[in-house]
Amino acid sequence: MVQQWVYFTPIQSLFGGIAIGSSVFHCLFLNGAVLGCSGIFHSVITQLIDVLFKTPFWIPADRRESAWKWASFAGFLVVGLVFKLAEGWFGSKLGVQLFDSKYDENLWLVLGAGLSVGLGTKLANGCTSGHMLAGFSRLSPRSLLATMVFFPVAVLVANFARTIPTRDVSQTSTIASITTEVPSWATLVLLTVIPFLLYGIIARFLGQNWWGRKALLGFLFGVHFAIGLTLSGMTKPSKVLSFFAFPLHFYPFNADTQWDLSLAMVIVGGLIPNMVLWQFHLKRNQKTAYGDSLDLPTKTQLLDWRLIVGSILFGVGWGLSGICPGPAMVNFINQWKFFLMMALGGQIIERTGVANIEFGKKDELTGSINNGTKQGYQAIDQN
């Protein structure tokens, strides 16, 4: 989909990973909630449609969501707008291109990928943030399984469909050359450290019962996470797709593509610290900074068709486009078609009750096998 080359940016991606991981940890530690981009996106879209377009033909969404998700959603959009308006200035200071300058509007590919990501993330109750980062760091079996499904699917689809940018003839190494742009360390530190200071100020001076604390923190989590996404390069489909270009010398991997390992630094900066903080702090205490219980996913069924099918659909859409829910919210100006199709996919699952269907369960009254009836499934593991 993208017709340009990308560079290896380990420093920027590392700092971006730190920002992403920090926002995920503080969301759980201060608000007691999982910062899952798809959960935020689908919740906001569902409530918005209920308010604006609810008719007797719609199945009402029986769901209670807190205001922090709306605030976090706003944070994603604000960061995307600010970075877009001052893209050149921020790019020069950070030594990295924030967004792809040329995005191939293959309409059917964009629409299909967006729909697939929307369907998949809603059905599987999570995406790269909820499952691959937040869930993986807690060693959640469902998140581990989801990640082991959607990531290989994305890699294979990207290589089979040839959506990965082709090699620049001037490049000869396996890993793309390190960009010659030197990041401004002051800008990097400010963008990643200031949110830490704000977390501390809000936690200290805004009381536990203050009505706007969770919403204000939610906005800050969204801003911090969105900064991390942009800094790491995840808002550039070209960079994400190039991460899928493993240097393997057999079909479907393509020798004309070039592996960009930058996003591995997101794992180093985001996933590993979260695993340590969970194991040695949050897992033991199971409480927020205010003494509240953590609102963690409670669904434990591993072999769940929704999780498997949803992860496959998400992987297909991610591999075709290089876009997942978080970057789609940040880069909504360029990717609004994908954004709308992702919303449509989520609403198809939300409004039709597809996720309520259970297969092969015994009816409690008759003992007969249920091969496709609705059992009132609740998305209590929404990430």
Foldseek 3Di string as FASTA:
>chain_A
DAADAFAFAQVLQLLLLQLQQVLQVQCCQAVLEGPFLLLLLLVVLLVVCCVPPDDPVFDRFPDDDDLLSVLLLVLLQVLLVVCVVPVPVQCLQAVGRQERPDDDPPPVLLLLLLLLQLQLCLLQQGDCRLQVAQVVLLVALLSVVLCVQQVVLLLQLLLQVVLAHFADPVDDDQAGHHRPRDHNVVVSCCLRPVLVVVSVVLVPPPDPPRPCSSNVSSNSSSNSNSSSCRSLRLLYLNLLSLCSQPPDDDPSRDPRGHHHVNNVSSCVNRRVVSSVCCVPPCVVQCAHPNRHHRLAQDDRDRPQPSNNSSSSSSSNSCNSGSDHSSSCSSNCVVSVSSSVSSNVSNSVCSGPQQSQWDAQDADPPPRDGRHTDGDPDDVSRND
